[in-house]
Amino acid sequence: MSNTSIDVTSAAGDHEQLPPDAAAVENRNPQQRDDGDEKIPQLPKPVCTPAEVANTLGTKELENLFIDMSFYARLGFLQAPSCLRCAYREAHAGTAWKDALASQGCGRLVMWRKDTALPIHPDNLQANAAIVPCQSAKALMRGESVGGVHWDKTTQKLVSD
């Protein structure tokens, strides 16, 4: 990443210096993937429970996935349509949601609820959470089957094929 910062004008008309990492995010190509240094965990199967990824993901990673899922829920989403990084990139690029869902997505992990009728709470994670890669979340949102399950829009549940 570049160590140069850039001057940015805020909405109030003030100029401020972005730190080097933020400057790199501002200047990157929206089509470019940023995961060169980041190791994205590989799941044992396309749709996993928290127990199935216990050896792959640490507690902190599971907590972050829960926070991401909760963030989407606060925005009114029943399920996370993608990882937050893809959502940010697509919003920053001005991509419409239908176009964004048509795109492939990345391999970052996303937490889904198996049944949206159950409230989001850490105590419900073992029974109600599913962990999928971002591209699988997008496929489920498009109505496709992934790993033997699909998203039933009527019942608002992940159901087996």
C-alpha atoms as a PDB file:
ATOM      1  CA  MET A   1       0.000   0.000   0.000  1.00  0.00           C
ATOM      2  CA  SER A   2       1.068   3.554  -0.595  1.00  0.00           C
ATOM      3  CA  ASN A   3       2.355   5.646   2.289  1.00  0.00           C
ATOM      4  CA  THR A   4       1.167   8.926   0.797  1.00  0.00           C
ATOM      5  CA  SER A   5      -1.904  10.638   2.157  1.00  0.00           C
ATOM      6  CA  ILE A   6      -4.346  12.675   0.087  1.00  0.00           C
ATOM      7  CA  ASP A   7      -6.211  15.892   0.766  1.00  0.00           C
ATOM      8  CA  VAL A   8      -9.986  15.372   0.891  1.00  0.00           C
ATOM      9  CA  THR A   9     -12.706  18.004   1.056  1.00  0.00           C
ATOM     10  CA  SER A  10     -15.438  17.137   3.551  1.00  0.00           C
ATOM     11  CA  ALA A  11     -19.129  17.878   3.099  1.00  0.00           C
ATOM     12  CA  ALA A  12     -18.629  21.012   5.201  1.00  0.00           C
ATOM     13  CA  GLY A  13     -15.957  22.225   2.796  1.00  0.00           C
ATOM     14  CA  ASP A  14     -13.094  21.576   5.244  1.00  0.00           C
ATOM     15  CA  HIS A  15      -9.915  19.982   3.994  1.00  0.00           C
ATOM     16  CA  GLU A  16      -8.462  17.105   5.907  1.00  0.00           C
ATOM     17  CA  GLN A  17      -5.677  14.620   5.382  1.00  0.00           C
ATOM     18  CA  LEU A  18      -6.659  10.982   5.172  1.00  0.00           C
ATOM     19  CA  PRO A  19      -4.211   8.530   6.733  1.00  0.00           C
ATOM     20  CA  PRO A  20      -2.162   6.481   4.244  1.00  0.00           C
ATOM     21  CA  ASP A  21      -4.382   3.358   4.437  1.00  0.00           C
ATOM     22  CA  ALA A  22      -7.575   5.382   3.938  1.00  0.00           C
ATOM     23  CA  ALA A  23      -5.938   7.185   1.012  1.00  0.00           C
ATOM     24  CA  ALA A  24      -5.194   3.829  -0.606  1.00  0.00           C
ATOM     25  CA  VAL A  25      -8.842   2.781  -0.201  1.00  0.00           C
ATOM     26  CA  GLU A  26      -9.994   6.073  -1.758  1.00  0.00           C
ATOM     27  CA  ASN A  27      -7.671   5.651  -4.763  1.00  0.00           C
ATOM     28  CA  ARG A  28      -8.120   1.964  -5.520  1.00  0.00           C
ATOM     29  CA  ASN A  29      -9.907   0.567  -8.516  1.00  0.00           C
ATOM     30  CA  PRO A  30     -13.390  -0.664  -7.402  1.00  0.00           C
ATOM     31  CA  GLN A  31     -12.882  -3.868  -9.407  1.00  0.00           C
ATOM     32  CA  GLN A  32      -9.604  -4.648  -7.611  1.00  0.00           C
ATOM     33  CA  ARG A  33      -9.626  -7.197  -4.803  1.00  0.00           C
ATOM     34  CA  ASP A  34      -7.966  -6.129  -1.529  1.00  0.00           C
ATOM     35  CA  ASP A  35      -7.476  -9.551  -0.030  1.00  0.00           C
ATOM     36  CA  GLY A  36      -3.839 -10.058  -1.050  1.00  0.00           C
ATOM     37  CA  ASP A  37      -2.504  -9.927   2.511  1.00  0.00           C
ATOM     38  CA  GLU A  38      -5.675 -11.167   4.184  1.00  0.00           C
ATOM     39  CA  LYS A  39      -6.103 -14.891   4.619  1.00  0.00           C
ATOM     40  CA  ILE A  40      -9.712 -15.829   3.986  1.00  0.00           C
ATOM     41  CA  PRO A  41     -10.611 -19.023   5.862  1.00  0.00           C
ATOM     42  CA  GLN A  42     -11.857 -21.907   3.754  1.00  0.00           C
ATOM     43  CA  LEU A  43     -15.003 -23.599   4.990  1.00  0.00           C
ATOM     44  CA  PRO A  44     -15.253 -27.406   5.098  1.00  0.00           C
ATOM     45  CA  LYS A  45     -18.501 -27.177   3.084  1.00  0.00           C
ATOM     46  CA  PRO A  46     -20.495 -24.358   1.389  1.00  0.00           C
ATOM     47  CA  VAL A  47     -22.931 -23.800   4.297  1.00  0.00           C
ATOM     48  CA  CYS A  48     -21.629 -24.427   7.837  1.00  0.00           C
ATOM     49  CA  THR A  49     -22.825 -24.073  11.402  1.00  0.00           C
ATOM     50  CA  PRO A  50     -20.663 -22.280  13.990  1.00  0.00           C
ATOM     51  CA  ALA A  51     -19.757 -25.680  15.490  1.00  0.00           C
ATOM     52  CA  GLU A  52     -18.492 -26.891  12.098  1.00  0.00           C
ATOM     53  CA  VAL A  53     -16.149 -23.912  11.761  1.00  0.00           C
ATOM     54  CA  ALA A  54     -14.970 -23.898  15.382  1.00  0.00           C
ATOM     55  CA  ASN A  55     -11.554 -25.250  14.320  1.00  0.00           C
ATOM     56  CA  THR A  56     -11.333 -22.836  11.379  1.00  0.00           C
ATOM     57  CA  LEU A  57     -12.533 -19.585  12.944  1.00  0.00           C
ATOM     58  CA  GLY A  58     -11.657 -18.096  16.289  1.00  0.00           C
ATOM     59  CA  THR A  59     -14.062 -16.550  18.766  1.00  0.00           C
ATOM     60  CA  LYS A  60     -13.142 -13.030  17.607  1.00  0.00           C
ATOM     61  CA  GLU A  61     -13.902 -13.887  13.967  1.00  0.00           C
ATOM     62  CA  LEU A  62     -17.290 -15.356  14.925  1.00  0.00           C
ATOM     63  CA  GLU A  63     -18.029 -12.254  17.012  1.00  0.00           C
ATOM     64  CA  ASN A  64     -17.206 -10.041  14.013  1.00  0.00           C
ATOM     65  CA  LEU A  65     -19.517 -12.087  11.778  1.00  0.00           C
ATOM     66  CA  PHE A  66     -22.277 -11.682  14.363  1.00  0.00           C
ATOM     67  CA  ILE A  67     -21.682  -7.910  14.446  1.00  0.00           C
ATOM     68  CA  ASP A  68     -21.821  -7.740  10.634  1.00  0.00           C
ATOM     69  CA  MET A  69     -25.098  -9.700  10.615  1.00  0.00           C
ATOM     70  CA  SER A  70     -26.522  -7.404  13.297  1.00  0.00           C
ATOM     71  CA  PHE A  71     -25.439  -4.351  11.301  1.00  0.00           C
ATOM     72  CA  TYR A  72     -27.390  -5.541   8.260  1.00  0.00           C
ATOM     73  CA  ALA A  73     -30.408  -6.309  10.469  1.00  0.00           C
ATOM     74  CA  ARG A  74     -30.344  -2.755  11.863  1.00  0.00           C
ATOM     75  CA  LEU A  75     -30.476  -1.524   8.260  1.00  0.00           C
ATOM     76  CA  GLY A  76     -33.629  -3.601   7.712  1.00  0.00           C
ATOM     77  CA  PHE A  77     -32.152  -6.619   5.913  1.00  0.00           C
ATOM     78  CA  LEU A  78     -33.451 -10.072   6.839  1.00  0.00           C
ATOM     79  CA  GLN A  79     -30.191 -11.604   5.628  1.00  0.00           C
ATOM     80  CA  ALA A  80     -26.813 -10.185   4.741  1.00  0.00           C
ATOM     81  CA  PRO A  81     -26.740  -9.966   0.927  1.00  0.00           C
ATOM     82  CA  SER A  82     -22.926  -9.940   0.913  1.00  0.00           C
ATOM     83  CA  CYS A  83     -19.965  -9.248   3.141  1.00  0.00           C
ATOM     84  CA  LEU A  84     -19.585  -5.653   4.305  1.00  0.00           C
ATOM     85  CA  ARG A  85     -16.485  -5.114   2.170  1.00  0.00           C
ATOM     86  CA  CYS A  86     -18.342  -6.025  -1.044  1.00  0.00           C
ATOM     87  CA  ALA A  87     -21.319  -3.906   0.017  1.00  0.00           C
ATOM     88  CA  TYR A  88     -18.996  -0.946   0.629  1.00  0.00           C
ATOM     89  CA  ARG A  89     -17.225  -1.406  -2.711  1.00  0.00           C
ATOM     90  CA  GLU A  90     -20.480  -1.696  -4.617  1.00  0.00           C
ATOM     91  CA  ALA A  91     -22.017   1.309  -2.863  1.00  0.00           C
ATOM     92  CA  HIS A  92     -18.843   3.328  -3.406  1.00  0.00           C
ATOM     93  CA  ALA A  93     -18.889   2.401  -7.100  1.00  0.00           C
ATOM     94  CA  GLY A  94     -22.572   3.341  -7.363  1.00  0.00           C
ATOM     95  CA  THR A  95     -23.644  -0.207  -8.183  1.00  0.00           C
ATOM     96  CA  ALA A  96     -27.398  -0.872  -7.998  1.00  0.00           C
ATOM     97  CA  TRP A  97     -28.466  -3.751  -5.703  1.00  0.00           C
ATOM     98  CA  LYS A  98     -29.652  -5.951  -8.579  1.00  0.00           C
ATOM     99  CA  ASP A  99     -26.318  -5.497 -10.332  1.00  0.00           C
ATOM    100  CA  ALA A 100     -24.477  -6.069  -7.056  1.00  0.00           C
ATOM    101  CA  LEU A 101     -26.283  -9.365  -6.450  1.00  0.00           C
ATOM    102  CA  ALA A 102     -25.489 -10.463  -9.992  1.00  0.00           C
ATOM    103  CA  SER A 103     -21.757  -9.999  -9.337  1.00  0.00           C
ATOM    104  CA  GLN A 104     -19.713 -12.936  -8.110  1.00  0.00           C
ATOM    105  CA  GLY A 105     -18.690 -11.682  -4.660  1.00  0.00           C
ATOM    106  CA  CYS A 106     -15.597 -12.660  -2.753  1.00  0.00           C
ATOM    107  CA  GLY A 107     -14.672 -15.487  -0.442  1.00  0.00           C
ATOM    108  CA  ARG A 108     -15.083 -13.561   2.830  1.00  0.00           C
ATOM    109  CA  LEU A 109     -17.481 -15.115   5.283  1.00  0.00           C
ATOM    110  CA  VAL A 110     -21.011 -13.981   6.030  1.00  0.00           C
ATOM    111  CA  MET A 111     -23.288 -15.138   8.850  1.00  0.00           C
ATOM    112  CA  TRP A 112     -26.890 -15.933   7.941  1.00  0.00           C
ATOM    113  CA  ARG A 113     -29.829 -16.840  10.113  1.00  0.00           C
ATOM    114  CA  LYS A 114     -31.469 -20.161   9.328  1.00  0.00           C
ATOM    115  CA  ASP A 115     -34.819 -18.801  10.534  1.00  0.00           C
ATOM    116  CA  THR A 116     -35.437 -15.051  10.574  1.00  0.00           C
ATOM    117  CA  ALA A 117     -38.355 -15.449  13.000  1.00  0.00           C
ATOM    118  CA  LEU A 118     -35.843 -16.128  15.787  1.00  0.00           C
ATOM    119  CA  PRO A 119     -34.336 -12.939  17.227  1.00  0.00           C
ATOM    120  CA  ILE A 120     -30.702 -12.094  16.670  1.00  0.00           C
ATOM    121  CA  HIS A 121     -28.982 -12.913  19.932  1.00  0.00           C
ATOM    122  CA  PRO A 122     -25.642 -14.567  20.771  1.00  0.00           C
ATOM    123  CA  ASP A 123     -27.518 -17.345  22.603  1.00  0.00           C
ATOM    124  CA  ASN A 124     -29.219 -18.352  19.311  1.00  0.00           C
ATOM    125  CA  LEU A 125     -26.033 -18.679  17.277  1.00  0.00           C
ATOM    126  CA  GLN A 126     -25.455 -22.416  17.591  1.00  0.00           C
ATOM    127  CA  ALA A 127     -29.011 -23.311  16.605  1.00  0.00           C
ATOM    128  CA  ASN A 128     -29.834 -20.525  14.157  1.00  0.00           C
ATOM    129  CA  ALA A 129     -26.617 -19.440  12.432  1.00  0.00           C
ATOM    130  CA  ALA A 130     -25.176 -20.529   9.121  1.00  0.00           C
ATOM    131  CA  ILE A 131     -21.816 -19.331   7.839  1.00  0.00           C
ATOM    132  CA  VAL A 132     -21.377 -18.989   4.098  1.00  0.00           C
ATOM    133  CA  PRO A 133     -18.845 -17.340   1.785  1.00  0.00           C
ATOM    134  CA  CYS A 134     -19.887 -13.988   0.307  1.00  0.00           C
ATOM    135  CA  GLN A 135     -20.415 -15.468  -3.168  1.00  0.00           C
ATOM    136  CA  SER A 136     -22.762 -18.081  -1.645  1.00  0.00           C
ATOM    137  CA  ALA A 137     -24.745 -15.369   0.180  1.00  0.00           C
ATOM    138  CA  LYS A 138     -25.215 -13.585  -3.145  1.00  0.00           C
ATOM    139  CA  ALA A 139     -26.257 -16.842  -4.818  1.00  0.00           C
ATOM    140  CA  LEU A 140     -28.795 -17.552  -2.067  1.00  0.00           C
ATOM    141  CA  MET A 141     -30.181 -14.021  -2.478  1.00  0.00           C
ATOM    142  CA  ARG A 142     -30.589 -14.700  -6.219  1.00  0.00           C
ATOM    143  CA  GLY A 143     -32.672 -17.785  -5.348  1.00  0.00           C
ATOM    144  CA  GLU A 144     -29.995 -20.337  -6.181  1.00  0.00           C
ATOM    145  CA  SER A 145     -29.288 -23.475  -4.189  1.00  0.00           C
ATOM    146  CA  VAL A 146     -25.953 -23.651  -2.346  1.00  0.00           C
ATOM    147  CA  GLY A 147     -24.617 -26.704  -0.555  1.00  0.00           C
ATOM    148  CA  GLY A 148     -28.002 -28.423  -0.542  1.00  0.00           C
ATOM    149  CA  VAL A 149     -29.947 -25.466   0.873  1.00  0.00           C
ATOM    150  CA  HIS A 150     -31.809 -22.512  -0.586  1.00  0.00           C
ATOM    151  CA  TRP A 151     -33.432 -19.369   0.794  1.00  0.00           C
ATOM    152  CA  ASP A 152     -37.228 -19.691   0.952  1.00  0.00           C
ATOM    153  CA  LYS A 153     -38.555 -16.143   0.642  1.00  0.00           C
ATOM    154  CA  THR A 154     -42.048 -17.201   1.758  1.00  0.00           C
ATOM    155  CA  THR A 155     -41.088 -18.800   5.081  1.00  0.00           C
ATOM    156  CA  GLN A 156     -37.936 -16.658   5.424  1.00  0.00           C
ATOM    157  CA  LYS A 157     -35.844 -19.710   6.258  1.00  0.00           C
ATOM    158  CA  LEU A 158     -32.886 -21.591   4.882  1.00  0.00           C
ATOM    159  CA  VAL A 159     -34.360 -24.921   3.819  1.00  0.00           C
ATOM    160  CA  SER A 160     -32.847 -28.156   2.535  1.00  0.00           C
ATOM    161  CA  ASP A 161     -33.370 -28.987  -1.114  1.00  0.00           C
END
